[in-house]
Each structure stands twice: as C-alpha cells, then as structure tokens.
Amino acid sequence: MHMSEEKMTMPMVADFLSRNLERPVVDETDLRGSYEVSLEWQPEDGPASTAEGAAGPSIFSAIQEQLGLRLEPQKGPVEILVIDHAEKIPSAN
C-alpha cells in the first residue's frame, strides 16, 4: 500500500493510522505544522509480496523507518458508545 500527502499535520497522521490499524492512535509528538508524508507498506492481509517480488515492510516498520515515528502501545481511556435500549418508532400511517 502507498500513501502520499503534501500537507499533513500529526493529528491527521494519527487519524489515518487509526483508520488503517482499526484501533485508536493518539498524537503525542507535539509537532506543529504541516509535513509532506509518504508511506509505503505491505498490508498484513494482503499478498505476500509486492509487484517487484519482494515483501514490503509492515505498517509498524514503515512508520519508524520511513517517517521516523514510533508507535508505542499504551493503555488509556477510550470513548465507547453503549446502547442499552432500543425501540422501533411507530410509523405515521
């Protein structure tokens, strides 16, 4: 996979990673401003090799090697929506 953007803030990078990793990613870099971000990685559920025939890095390795950032697993509060009751609304007919 490949992602390339000219003007990304670190919160935008964290949001992109959250969507791709399907888990919360929080920006704790304190980096301000916009950056040119280019990232190339091999998805875990994708084919075993790229078109060139060599396996690419995982998204975790690519983030560290290509962007100089590191993802650190941490426990913390996560916002959760709980629906404890639902009723069907009667139709107006």
PDB file of N, CA and C in Angstrom:
ATOM      1  N   MET A   1       0.842  -1.165   0.000  1.00  0.00           N
ATOM      2  CA  MET A   1       0.000   0.000   0.000  1.00  0.00           C
ATOM      3  C   MET A   1       0.891   1.233   0.000  1.00  0.00           C
ATOM      4  N   HIS A   2       0.307   2.316  -0.458  1.00  0.00           N
ATOM      5  CA  HIS A   2       1.067   3.558  -0.540  1.00  0.00           C
ATOM      6  C   HIS A   2       0.172   4.723  -0.143  1.00  0.00           C
ATOM      7  N   MET A   3       0.726   5.661   0.622  1.00  0.00           N
ATOM      8  CA  MET A   3       0.032   6.877   0.991  1.00  0.00           C
ATOM      9  C   MET A   3       1.014   8.021   0.843  1.00  0.00           C
ATOM     10  N   SER A   4       0.586   9.068   0.159  1.00  0.00           N
ATOM     11  CA  SER A   4       1.440  10.232  -0.027  1.00  0.00           C
ATOM     12  C   SER A   4       0.581  11.486   0.025  1.00  0.00           C
ATOM     13  N   GLU A   5       0.926  12.398   0.909  1.00  0.00           N
ATOM     14  CA  GLU A   5       0.208  13.667   1.060  1.00  0.00           C
ATOM     15  C   GLU A   5       1.223  14.784   1.257  1.00  0.00           C
ATOM     16  N   GLU A   6       0.926  15.956   0.701  1.00  0.00           N
ATOM     17  CA  GLU A   6       1.858  17.078   0.809  1.00  0.00           C
ATOM     18  C   GLU A   6       1.721  17.863   2.100  1.00  0.00           C
ATOM     19  N   LYS A   7       0.515  18.033   2.606  1.00  0.00           N
ATOM     20  CA  LYS A   7       0.317  18.859   3.808  1.00  0.00           C
ATOM     21  C   LYS A   7      -0.493  18.091   4.843  1.00  0.00           C
ATOM     22  N   MET A   8       0.218  17.334   5.668  1.00  0.00           N
ATOM     23  CA  MET A   8      -0.442  16.585   6.739  1.00  0.00           C
ATOM     24  C   MET A   8       0.067  17.052   8.086  1.00  0.00           C
ATOM     25  N   THR A   9      -0.856  17.252   9.005  1.00  0.00           N
ATOM     26  CA  THR A   9      -0.480  17.549  10.385  1.00  0.00           C
ATOM     27  C   THR A   9      -0.348  16.219  11.116  1.00  0.00           C
ATOM     28  N   MET A  10       0.273  16.231  12.267  1.00  0.00           N
ATOM     29  CA  MET A  10       0.417  14.993  13.031  1.00  0.00           C
ATOM     30  C   MET A  10      -0.939  14.434  13.491  1.00  0.00           C
ATOM     31  N   PRO A  11      -1.915  15.286  13.872  1.00  0.00           N
ATOM     32  CA  PRO A  11      -3.239  14.716  14.164  1.00  0.00           C
ATOM     33  C   PRO A  11      -3.860  14.024  12.941  1.00  0.00           C
ATOM     34  N   MET A  12      -3.594  14.529  11.740  1.00  0.00           N
ATOM     35  CA  MET A  12      -4.089  13.877  10.525  1.00  0.00           C
ATOM     36  C   MET A  12      -3.400  12.528  10.320  1.00  0.00           C
ATOM     37  N   VAL A  13      -2.106  12.458  10.608  1.00  0.00           N
ATOM     38  CA  VAL A  13      -1.371  11.192  10.500  1.00  0.00           C
ATOM     39  C   VAL A  13      -1.939  10.188  11.506  1.00  0.00           C
ATOM     40  N   ALA A  14      -2.192  10.640  12.736  1.00  0.00           N
ATOM     41  CA  ALA A  14      -2.762   9.759  13.761  1.00  0.00           C
ATOM     42  C   ALA A  14      -4.138   9.253  13.333  1.00  0.00           C
ATOM     43  N   ASP A  15      -4.960  10.119  12.740  1.00  0.00           N
ATOM     44  CA  ASP A  15      -6.283   9.711  12.272  1.00  0.00           C
ATOM     45  C   ASP A  15      -6.167   8.688  11.148  1.00  0.00           C
ATOM     46  N   PHE A  16      -5.248   8.914  10.213  1.00  0.00           N
ATOM     47  CA  PHE A  16      -5.012   7.965   9.122  1.00  0.00           C
ATOM     48  C   PHE A  16      -4.612   6.598   9.678  1.00  0.00           C
ATOM     49  N   LEU A  17      -3.701   6.599  10.639  1.00  0.00           N
ATOM     50  CA  LEU A  17      -3.247   5.340  11.240  1.00  0.00           C
ATOM     51  C   LEU A  17      -4.373   4.656  12.008  1.00  0.00           C
ATOM     52  N   SER A  18      -5.188   5.428  12.714  1.00  0.00           N
ATOM     53  CA  SER A  18      -6.329   4.846  13.434  1.00  0.00           C
ATOM     54  C   SER A  18      -7.256   4.100  12.486  1.00  0.00           C
ATOM     55  N   ARG A  19      -7.539   4.720  11.340  1.00  0.00           N
ATOM     56  CA  ARG A  19      -8.433   4.078  10.374  1.00  0.00           C
ATOM     57  C   ARG A  19      -7.804   2.834   9.760  1.00  0.00           C
ATOM     58  N   ASN A  20      -6.515   2.862   9.492  1.00  0.00           N
ATOM     59  CA  ASN A  20      -5.854   1.722   8.858  1.00  0.00           C
ATOM     60  C   ASN A  20      -5.534   0.599   9.834  1.00  0.00           C
ATOM     61  N   LEU A  21      -5.285   0.933  11.081  1.00  0.00           N
ATOM     62  CA  LEU A  21      -4.962  -0.086  12.081  1.00  0.00           C
ATOM     63  C   LEU A  21      -6.204  -0.563  12.824  1.00  0.00           C
ATOM     64  N   GLU A  22      -7.309   0.148  12.626  1.00  0.00           N
ATOM     65  CA  GLU A  22      -8.576  -0.171  13.290  1.00  0.00           C
ATOM     66  C   GLU A  22      -8.437  -0.208  14.801  1.00  0.00           C
ATOM     67  N   ARG A  23      -7.674   0.732  15.329  1.00  0.00           N
ATOM     68  CA  ARG A  23      -7.529   0.924  16.775  1.00  0.00           C
ATOM     69  C   ARG A  23      -7.110   2.368  17.000  1.00  0.00           C
ATOM     70  N   PRO A  24      -7.377   2.898  18.178  1.00  0.00           N
ATOM     71  CA  PRO A  24      -7.059   4.315  18.426  1.00  0.00           C
ATOM     72  C   PRO A  24      -5.557   4.599  18.352  1.00  0.00           C
ATOM     73  N   VAL A  25      -5.216   5.703  17.702  1.00  0.00           N
ATOM     74  CA  VAL A  25      -3.836   6.205  17.668  1.00  0.00           C
ATOM     75  C   VAL A  25      -3.907   7.659  18.117  1.00  0.00           C
ATOM     76  N   VAL A  26      -3.145   8.002  19.145  1.00  0.00           N
ATOM     77  CA  VAL A  26      -3.153   9.345  19.709  1.00  0.00           C
ATOM     78  C   VAL A  26      -1.831  10.032  19.381  1.00  0.00           C
ATOM     79  N   ASP A  27      -1.914  11.261  18.875  1.00  0.00           N
ATOM     80  CA  ASP A  27      -0.717  12.033  18.559  1.00  0.00           C
ATOM     81  C   ASP A  27      -0.142  12.618  19.841  1.00  0.00           C
ATOM     82  N   GLU A  28       1.053  12.180  20.217  1.00  0.00           N
ATOM     83  CA  GLU A  28       1.753  12.737  21.372  1.00  0.00           C
ATOM     84  C   GLU A  28       3.111  13.292  20.969  1.00  0.00           C
ATOM     85  N   THR A  29       3.238  13.689  19.695  1.00  0.00           N
ATOM     86  CA  THR A  29       4.528  14.160  19.190  1.00  0.00           C
ATOM     87  C   THR A  29       4.831  15.603  19.549  1.00  0.00           C
ATOM     88  N   ASP A  30       3.814  16.425  19.783  1.00  0.00           N
ATOM     89  CA  ASP A  30       3.973  17.871  19.986  1.00  0.00           C
ATOM     90  C   ASP A  30       4.567  18.560  18.764  1.00  0.00           C
ATOM     91  N   LEU A  31       4.521  17.903  17.608  1.00  0.00           N
ATOM     92  CA  LEU A  31       4.997  18.517  16.370  1.00  0.00           C
ATOM     93  C   LEU A  31       3.885  19.372  15.783  1.00  0.00           C
ATOM     94  N   ARG A  32       4.191  20.602  15.450  1.00  0.00           N
ATOM     95  CA  ARG A  32       3.219  21.541  14.889  1.00  0.00           C
ATOM     96  C   ARG A  32       3.516  21.728  13.399  1.00  0.00           C
ATOM     97  N   GLY A  33       2.552  22.207  12.677  1.00  0.00           N
ATOM     98  CA  GLY A  33       2.750  22.500  11.265  1.00  0.00           C
ATOM     99  C   GLY A  33       2.344  21.337  10.383  1.00  0.00           C
ATOM    100  N   SER A  34       2.569  21.524   9.095  1.00  0.00           N
ATOM    101  CA  SER A  34       2.221  20.522   8.093  1.00  0.00           C
ATOM    102  C   SER A  34       3.486  19.887   7.530  1.00  0.00           C
ATOM    103  N   TYR A  35       3.366  18.627   7.151  1.00  0.00           N
ATOM    104  CA  TYR A  35       4.515  17.884   6.652  1.00  0.00           C
ATOM    105  C   TYR A  35       4.139  17.132   5.387  1.00  0.00           C
ATOM    106  N   GLU A  36       5.140  16.892   4.546  1.00  0.00           N
ATOM    107  CA  GLU A  36       4.962  16.012   3.398  1.00  0.00           C
ATOM    108  C   GLU A  36       5.183  14.590   3.900  1.00  0.00           C
ATOM    109  N   VAL A  37       4.168  13.754   3.745  1.00  0.00           N
ATOM    110  CA  VAL A  37       4.212  12.402   4.290  1.00  0.00           C
ATOM    111  C   VAL A  37       4.061  11.398   3.160  1.00  0.00           C
ATOM    112  N   SER A  38       5.008  10.482   3.070  1.00  0.00           N
ATOM    113  CA  SER A  38       4.952   9.405   2.090  1.00  0.00           C
ATOM    114  C   SER A  38       5.255   8.107   2.829  1.00  0.00           C
ATOM    115  N   LEU A  39       4.362   7.142   2.686  1.00  0.00           N
ATOM    116  CA  LEU A  39       4.486   5.894   3.430  1.00  0.00           C
ATOM    117  C   LEU A  39       4.126   4.735   2.514  1.00  0.00           C
ATOM    118  N   GLU A  40       4.974   3.716   2.506  1.00  0.00           N
ATOM    119  CA  GLU A  40       4.731   2.524   1.694  1.00  0.00           C
ATOM    120  C   GLU A  40       4.915   1.295   2.579  1.00  0.00           C
ATOM    121  N   TRP A  41       3.888   0.414   2.590  1.00  0.00           N
ATOM    122  CA  TRP A  41       3.927  -0.763   3.447  1.00  0.00           C
ATOM    123  C   TRP A  41       3.156  -1.901   2.827  1.00  0.00           C
ATOM    124  N   GLN A  42       3.355  -3.084   3.401  1.00  0.00           N
ATOM    125  CA  GLN A  42       2.665  -4.299   2.966  1.00  0.00           C
ATOM    126  C   GLN A  42       1.540  -4.588   3.961  1.00  0.00           C
ATOM    127  N   PRO A  43       0.276  -4.581   3.520  1.00  0.00           N
ATOM    128  CA  PRO A  43      -0.801  -4.903   4.463  1.00  0.00           C
ATOM    129  C   PRO A  43      -0.685  -6.326   4.986  1.00  0.00           C
ATOM    130  N   GLU A  44      -1.087  -6.528   6.225  1.00  0.00           N
ATOM    131  CA  GLU A  44      -0.991  -7.856   6.840  1.00  0.00           C
ATOM    132  C   GLU A  44      -1.864  -8.877   6.133  1.00  0.00           C
ATOM    133  N   ASP A  45      -3.017  -8.439   5.628  1.00  0.00           N
ATOM    134  CA  ASP A  45      -3.923  -9.371   4.962  1.00  0.00           C
ATOM    135  C   ASP A  45      -3.774  -9.359   3.443  1.00  0.00           C
ATOM    136  N   GLY A  46      -2.741  -8.678   2.936  1.00  0.00           N
ATOM    137  CA  GLY A  46      -2.522  -8.585   1.501  1.00  0.00           C
ATOM    138  C   GLY A  46      -1.664  -9.710   0.978  1.00  0.00           C
ATOM    139  N   PRO A  47      -1.312  -9.654  -0.319  1.00  0.00           N
ATOM    140  CA  PRO A  47      -0.437 -10.685  -0.887  1.00  0.00           C
ATOM    141  C   PRO A  47       0.930 -10.675  -0.215  1.00  0.00           C
ATOM    142  N   ALA A  48       1.612 -11.790  -0.283  1.00  0.00           N
ATOM    143  CA  ALA A  48       2.893 -11.946   0.420  1.00  0.00           C
ATOM    144  C   ALA A  48       4.011 -11.117  -0.176  1.00  0.00           C
ATOM    145  N   SER A  49       3.868 -10.629  -1.397  1.00  0.00           N
ATOM    146  CA  SER A  49       4.935  -9.841  -1.997  1.00  0.00           C
ATOM    147  C   SER A  49       4.364  -8.705  -2.823  1.00  0.00           C
ATOM    148  N   THR A  50       5.202  -7.692  -3.067  1.00  0.00           N
ATOM    149  CA  THR A  50       4.799  -6.564  -3.896  1.00  0.00           C
ATOM    150  C   THR A  50       4.993  -6.927  -5.357  1.00  0.00           C
ATOM    151  N   ALA A  51       4.660  -6.008  -6.249  1.00  0.00           N
ATOM    152  CA  ALA A  51       4.783  -6.261  -7.686  1.00  0.00           C
ATOM    153  C   ALA A  51       6.235  -6.537  -8.082  1.00  0.00           C
ATOM    154  N   GLU A  52       7.195  -5.969  -7.331  1.00  0.00           N
ATOM    155  CA  GLU A  52       8.603  -6.188  -7.649  1.00  0.00           C
ATOM    156  C   GLU A  52       9.086  -7.555  -7.178  1.00  0.00           C
ATOM    157  N   GLY A  53       8.258  -8.275  -6.417  1.00  0.00           N
ATOM    158  CA  GLY A  53       8.634  -9.609  -5.985  1.00  0.00           C
ATOM    159  C   GLY A  53       9.217  -9.680  -4.587  1.00  0.00           C
ATOM    160  N   ALA A  54       9.427  -8.541  -3.926  1.00  0.00           N
ATOM    161  CA  ALA A  54       9.980  -8.553  -2.574  1.00  0.00           C
ATOM    162  C   ALA A  54       8.898  -8.133  -1.588  1.00  0.00           C
ATOM    163  N   ALA A  55       8.858  -8.783  -0.457  1.00  0.00           N
ATOM    164  CA  ALA A  55       7.890  -8.424   0.565  1.00  0.00           C
ATOM    165  C   ALA A  55       8.205  -7.039   1.113  1.00  0.00           C
ATOM    166  N   GLY A  56       7.170  -6.245   1.334  1.00  0.00           N
ATOM    167  CA  GLY A  56       7.363  -4.909   1.880  1.00  0.00           C
ATOM    168  C   GLY A  56       7.292  -4.931   3.395  1.00  0.00           C
ATOM    169  N   PRO A  57       7.626  -3.799   4.038  1.00  0.00           N
ATOM    170  CA  PRO A  57       7.600  -3.740   5.495  1.00  0.00           C
ATOM    171  C   PRO A  57       6.160  -3.683   6.014  1.00  0.00           C
ATOM    172  N   SER A  58       5.972  -4.069   7.263  1.00  0.00           N
ATOM    173  CA  SER A  58       4.672  -3.897   7.905  1.00  0.00           C
ATOM    174  C   SER A  58       4.444  -2.404   8.102  1.00  0.00           C
ATOM    175  N   ILE A  59       3.216  -2.014   8.374  1.00  0.00           N
ATOM    176  CA  ILE A  59       2.934  -0.594   8.584  1.00  0.00           C
ATOM    177  C   ILE A  59       3.696  -0.076   9.806  1.00  0.00           C
ATOM    178  N   PHE A  60       3.903  -0.920  10.820  1.00  0.00           N
ATOM    179  CA  PHE A  60       4.639  -0.507  12.018  1.00  0.00           C
ATOM    180  C   PHE A  60       6.102  -0.222  11.688  1.00  0.00           C
ATOM    181  N   SER A  61       6.730  -1.102  10.895  1.00  0.00           N
ATOM    182  CA  SER A  61       8.124  -0.887  10.482  1.00  0.00           C
ATOM    183  C   SER A  61       8.227   0.318   9.564  1.00  0.00           C
ATOM    184  N   ALA A  62       7.279   0.460   8.636  1.00  0.00           N
ATOM    185  CA  ALA A  62       7.314   1.570   7.685  1.00  0.00           C
ATOM    186  C   ALA A  62       7.214   2.909   8.399  1.00  0.00           C
ATOM    187  N   ILE A  63       6.373   3.012   9.402  1.00  0.00           N
ATOM    188  CA  ILE A  63       6.222   4.268  10.150  1.00  0.00           C
ATOM    189  C   ILE A  63       7.546   4.669  10.779  1.00  0.00           C
ATOM    190  N   GLN A  64       8.247   3.703  11.359  1.00  0.00           N
ATOM    191  CA  GLN A  64       9.516   4.012  12.015  1.00  0.00           C
ATOM    192  C   GLN A  64      10.625   4.275  10.999  1.00  0.00           C
ATOM    193  N   GLU A  65      10.739   3.424   9.981  1.00  0.00           N
ATOM    194  CA  GLU A  65      11.831   3.545   9.016  1.00  0.00           C
ATOM    195  C   GLU A  65      11.644   4.726   8.060  1.00  0.00           C
ATOM    196  N   GLN A  66      10.425   4.977   7.618  1.00  0.00           N
ATOM    197  CA  GLN A  66      10.182   5.985   6.585  1.00  0.00           C
ATOM    198  C   GLN A  66       9.798   7.355   7.144  1.00  0.00           C
ATOM    199  N   LEU A  67       9.162   7.392   8.323  1.00  0.00           N
ATOM    200  CA  LEU A  67       8.735   8.666   8.897  1.00  0.00           C
ATOM    201  C   LEU A  67       9.520   9.046  10.148  1.00  0.00           C
ATOM    202  N   GLY A  68      10.250   8.094  10.716  1.00  0.00           N
ATOM    203  CA  GLY A  68      10.993   8.377  11.935  1.00  0.00           C
ATOM    204  C   GLY A  68      10.089   8.486  13.157  1.00  0.00           C
ATOM    205  N   LEU A  69       8.891   7.931  13.062  1.00  0.00           N
ATOM    206  CA  LEU A  69       7.955   7.932  14.178  1.00  0.00           C
ATOM    207  C   LEU A  69       7.853   6.530  14.749  1.00  0.00           C
ATOM    208  N   ARG A  70       7.420   6.425  15.992  1.00  0.00           N
ATOM    209  CA  ARG A  70       7.290   5.113  16.620  1.00  0.00           C
ATOM    210  C   ARG A  70       5.925   5.016  17.282  1.00  0.00           C
ATOM    211  N   LEU A  71       5.263   3.906  17.058  1.00  0.00           N
ATOM    212  CA  LEU A  71       4.002   3.641  17.743  1.00  0.00           C
ATOM    213  C   LEU A  71       4.311   2.879  19.018  1.00  0.00           C
ATOM    214  N   GLU A  72       3.825   3.378  20.138  1.00  0.00           N
ATOM    215  CA  GLU A  72       4.037   2.718  21.425  1.00  0.00           C
ATOM    216  C   GLU A  72       2.687   2.308  21.987  1.00  0.00           C
ATOM    217  N   PRO A  73       2.489   1.008  22.220  1.00  0.00           N
ATOM    218  CA  PRO A  73       1.217   0.583  22.802  1.00  0.00           C
ATOM    219  C   PRO A  73       1.093   1.082  24.240  1.00  0.00           C
ATOM    220  N   GLN A  74      -0.060   1.639  24.558  1.00  0.00           N
ATOM    221  CA  GLN A  74      -0.323   2.128  25.907  1.00  0.00           C
ATOM    222  C   GLN A  74      -1.768   1.842  26.261  1.00  0.00           C
ATOM    223  N   LYS A  75      -2.030   1.760  27.525  1.00  0.00           N
ATOM    224  CA  LYS A  75      -3.404   1.657  27.998  1.00  0.00           C
ATOM    225  C   LYS A  75      -3.866   3.049  28.379  1.00  0.00           C
ATOM    226  N   GLY A  76      -5.102   3.335  28.042  1.00  0.00           N
ATOM    227  CA  GLY A  76      -5.656   4.635  28.373  1.00  0.00           C
ATOM    228  C   GLY A  76      -7.144   4.637  28.153  1.00  0.00           C
ATOM    229  N   PRO A  77      -7.786   5.738  28.518  1.00  0.00           N
ATOM    230  CA  PRO A  77      -9.227   5.812  28.343  1.00  0.00           C
ATOM    231  C   PRO A  77      -9.599   5.840  26.856  1.00  0.00           C
ATOM    232  N   VAL A  78     -10.646   5.120  26.533  1.00  0.00           N
ATOM    233  CA  VAL A  78     -11.150   5.076  25.167  1.00  0.00           C
ATOM    234  C   VAL A  78     -12.634   5.373  25.223  1.00  0.00           C
ATOM    235  N   GLU A  79     -13.092   6.280  24.371  1.00  0.00           N
ATOM    236  CA  GLU A  79     -14.501   6.629  24.332  1.00  0.00           C
ATOM    237  C   GLU A  79     -15.296   5.492  23.702  1.00  0.00           C
ATOM    238  N   ILE A  80     -16.335   5.057  24.406  1.00  0.00           N
ATOM    239  CA  ILE A  80     -17.174   3.954  23.935  1.00  0.00           C
ATOM    240  C   ILE A  80     -18.631   4.384  24.014  1.00  0.00           C
ATOM    241  N   LEU A  81     -19.392   4.083  22.996  1.00  0.00           N
ATOM    242  CA  LEU A  81     -20.823   4.350  22.980  1.00  0.00           C
ATOM    243  C   LEU A  81     -21.551   3.051  23.277  1.00  0.00           C
ATOM    244  N   VAL A  82     -22.365   3.050  24.339  1.00  0.00           N
ATOM    245  CA  VAL A  82     -23.115   1.868  24.733  1.00  0.00           C
ATOM    246  C   VAL A  82     -24.603   2.146  24.534  1.00  0.00           C
ATOM    247  N   ILE A  83     -25.267   1.305  23.776  1.00  0.00           N
ATOM    248  CA  ILE A  83     -26.716   1.415  23.592  1.00  0.00           C
ATOM    249  C   ILE A  83     -27.341   0.331  24.454  1.00  0.00           C
ATOM    250  N   ASP A  84     -28.067   0.747  25.482  1.00  0.00           N
ATOM    251  CA  ASP A  84     -28.639  -0.236  26.399  1.00  0.00           C
ATOM    252  C   ASP A  84     -30.119  -0.515  26.133  1.00  0.00           C
ATOM    253  N   HIS A  85     -30.731   0.256  25.232  1.00  0.00           N
ATOM    254  CA  HIS A  85     -32.137   0.044  24.936  1.00  0.00           C
ATOM    255  C   HIS A  85     -32.465   0.661  23.578  1.00  0.00           C
ATOM    256  N   ALA A  86     -33.291  -0.017  22.806  1.00  0.00           N
ATOM    257  CA  ALA A  86     -33.744   0.499  21.509  1.00  0.00           C
ATOM    258  C   ALA A  86     -35.176   0.065  21.298  1.00  0.00           C
ATOM    259  N   GLU A  87     -35.952   0.960  20.727  1.00  0.00           N
ATOM    260  CA  GLU A  87     -37.351   0.644  20.392  1.00  0.00           C
ATOM    261  C   GLU A  87     -37.633   1.073  18.968  1.00  0.00           C
ATOM    262  N   LYS A  88     -38.497   0.330  18.317  1.00  0.00           N
ATOM    263  CA  LYS A  88     -38.915   0.677  16.970  1.00  0.00           C
ATOM    264  C   LYS A  88     -39.907   1.820  17.072  1.00  0.00           C
ATOM    265  N   ILE A  89     -39.716   2.859  16.257  1.00  0.00           N
ATOM    266  CA  ILE A  89     -40.611   4.001  16.245  1.00  0.00           C
ATOM    267  C   ILE A  89     -41.841   3.644  15.415  1.00  0.00           C
ATOM    268  N   PRO A  90     -43.043   3.854  15.968  1.00  0.00           N
ATOM    269  CA  PRO A  90     -44.238   3.533  15.185  1.00  0.00           C
ATOM    270  C   PRO A  90     -44.346   4.436  13.956  1.00  0.00           C
ATOM    271  N   SER A  91     -44.829   3.860  12.852  1.00  0.00           N
ATOM    272  CA  SER A  91     -44.952   4.649  11.615  1.00  0.00           C
ATOM    273  C   SER A  91     -46.106   5.623  11.727  1.00  0.00           C
ATOM    274  N   ALA A  92     -46.057   6.707  10.949  1.00  0.00           N
ATOM    275  CA  ALA A  92     -47.081   7.760  10.989  1.00  0.00           C
ATOM    276  C   ALA A  92     -48.367   7.341  10.286  1.00  0.00           C
ATOM    277  N   ASN A  93     -48.407   6.208   9.590  1.00  0.00           N
ATOM    278  CA  ASN A  93     -49.611   5.789   8.841  1.00  0.00           C
ATOM    279  C   ASN A  93     -50.670   5.364   9.761  1.00  0.00           C
TER     280      ASN A  93
END
